[in-house]
Amino acid sequence: MTDPPLEIAWFSSAVTFHSSVKSILEDPLKKSVVLAVKDLFQLLVSLSGPCNGLKRVALLAPVVYELYYLVFDCLKEGLCLKREIEGFVEGIVSYISLCCSNYSCDWQKRLG
């Protein structure tokens, strides 16, 4: 698929994510939920291949949304998934940084 609209990519990933996460939402330790959110991240990254840097970042909105609620649930229930979540957040931030630097280089090439 060449440069899919955001809505199509989000819908496709939502169907995949919610069909896989339905059975693991009851996991009291939330570790399998972390893995499902990581899978969602990988799916969205794979869908963003033909997109520009800013669109790649925008495609990650569902991951940030799910990650926020995962952290909120873990804090509320007193679960300790700090290492797993911190490592995942570092990976997301690195990916966003890479996307933005690539977009900046592309932008400078168009101007120069």
Protein backbone atom coordinates (compact mmCIF):
# COMPACT_ATOMS: atom_id res chain seq x y z
CA MET A 1 0.00 0.00 0.00
CA THR A 2 1.46 3.36 -0.95
CA ASP A 3 1.16 6.11 1.65
CA PRO A 4 -2.15 5.10 3.26
CA PRO A 5 -4.39 7.80 4.77
CA LEU A 6 -4.02 8.06 8.55
CA GLU A 7 -7.58 6.95 9.14
CA ILE A 8 -7.17 3.77 7.08
CA ALA A 9 -3.93 2.85 8.85
CA TRP A 10 -5.47 3.57 12.26
CA PHE A 11 -8.61 1.56 11.48
CA SER A 12 -6.65 -1.40 10.16
CA SER A 13 -4.33 -1.41 13.16
CA ALA A 14 -7.25 -0.98 15.58
CA VAL A 15 -9.00 -4.05 14.19
CA THR A 16 -5.81 -6.09 14.48
CA PHE A 17 -4.95 -4.75 17.95
CA HIS A 18 -8.39 -5.17 19.48
CA SER A 19 -8.85 -8.67 18.08
CA SER A 20 -5.52 -9.75 19.61
CA VAL A 21 -5.84 -7.90 22.91
CA LYS A 22 -9.41 -8.91 23.72
CA SER A 23 -8.37 -12.07 25.55
CA ILE A 24 -5.37 -10.59 27.38
CA LEU A 25 -6.99 -7.48 28.84
CA GLU A 26 -7.83 -9.51 31.93
CA ASP A 27 -4.14 -10.23 32.59
CA PRO A 28 -3.63 -9.04 36.17
CA LEU A 29 0.08 -8.37 35.62
CA LYS A 30 -0.44 -6.43 32.36
CA LYS A 31 2.77 -7.87 30.86
CA SER A 32 0.89 -9.35 27.93
CA VAL A 33 -0.82 -5.98 27.41
CA VAL A 34 2.63 -4.36 27.14
CA LEU A 35 3.52 -6.92 24.48
CA ALA A 36 0.28 -6.20 22.62
CA VAL A 37 1.02 -2.45 22.61
CA LYS A 38 4.53 -3.21 21.34
CA ASP A 39 2.97 -5.28 18.57
CA LEU A 40 0.70 -2.33 17.74
CA PHE A 41 3.79 -0.11 17.53
CA GLN A 42 5.50 -2.57 15.17
CA LEU A 43 2.37 -2.81 13.02
CA LEU A 44 2.08 0.98 12.69
CA VAL A 45 5.79 1.32 11.94
CA SER A 46 5.44 -1.27 9.17
CA LEU A 47 2.43 0.57 7.72
CA SER A 48 4.32 3.88 7.77
CA GLY A 49 7.07 2.80 5.37
CA PRO A 50 6.08 4.99 2.40
CA CYS A 51 5.02 7.96 4.57
CA ASN A 52 6.97 11.13 5.33
CA GLY A 53 8.46 11.76 8.78
CA LEU A 54 5.61 13.79 10.21
CA LYS A 55 2.99 11.29 9.12
CA ARG A 56 5.05 8.48 10.65
CA VAL A 57 4.94 10.30 13.97
CA ALA A 58 1.21 10.99 13.64
CA LEU A 59 0.54 7.31 12.98
CA LEU A 60 1.83 6.53 16.48
CA ALA A 61 -1.09 8.29 18.21
CA PRO A 62 -2.89 5.01 19.05
CA VAL A 63 0.31 3.64 20.63
CA VAL A 64 0.69 6.72 22.82
CA TYR A 65 -3.00 6.48 23.77
CA GLU A 66 -2.76 2.81 24.76
CA LEU A 67 0.54 3.37 26.55
CA TYR A 68 -0.95 6.22 28.59
CA TYR A 69 -3.80 4.02 29.80
CA LEU A 70 -1.43 1.14 30.46
CA VAL A 71 0.74 3.35 32.69
CA PHE A 72 -2.36 4.78 34.38
CA ASP A 73 -3.68 1.27 35.13
CA CYS A 74 -0.31 0.10 36.41
CA LEU A 75 -0.01 3.07 38.76
CA LYS A 76 -3.58 2.67 39.95
CA GLU A 77 -3.16 -1.05 40.64
CA GLY A 78 0.36 -0.71 42.04
CA LEU A 79 1.93 -2.90 39.37
CA CYS A 80 5.63 -2.55 38.67
CA LEU A 81 6.31 -2.64 34.96
CA LYS A 82 8.66 0.32 35.07
CA ARG A 83 11.55 -1.29 33.18
CA GLU A 84 9.39 -2.69 30.41
CA ILE A 85 7.51 0.56 29.92
CA GLU A 86 10.60 2.79 30.18
CA GLY A 87 12.41 0.69 27.58
CA PHE A 88 9.41 0.84 25.29
CA VAL A 89 9.07 4.62 25.70
CA GLU A 90 12.78 5.02 24.90
CA GLY A 91 12.25 3.04 21.71
CA ILE A 92 9.28 5.20 20.72
CA VAL A 93 11.20 8.42 21.41
CA SER A 94 14.18 7.15 19.38
CA TYR A 95 11.89 6.28 16.48
CA ILE A 96 10.24 9.72 16.62
CA SER A 97 13.64 11.40 16.75
CA LEU A 98 14.77 9.43 13.71
CA CYS A 99 11.58 10.31 11.81
CA CYS A 100 11.98 14.00 12.61
CA SER A 101 15.65 14.09 11.62
CA ASN A 102 14.86 12.36 8.31
CA TYR A 103 12.02 14.81 7.70
CA SER A 104 14.36 17.72 8.47
CA CYS A 105 16.96 16.42 5.99
CA ASP A 106 14.29 15.94 3.31
CA TRP A 107 12.97 19.44 3.94
CA GLN A 108 16.46 20.97 3.63
CA LYS A 109 17.06 19.10 0.36
CA ARG A 110 13.86 20.55 -1.08
CA LEU A 111 14.89 24.07 -0.06
CA GLY A 112 18.51 23.78 -1.07
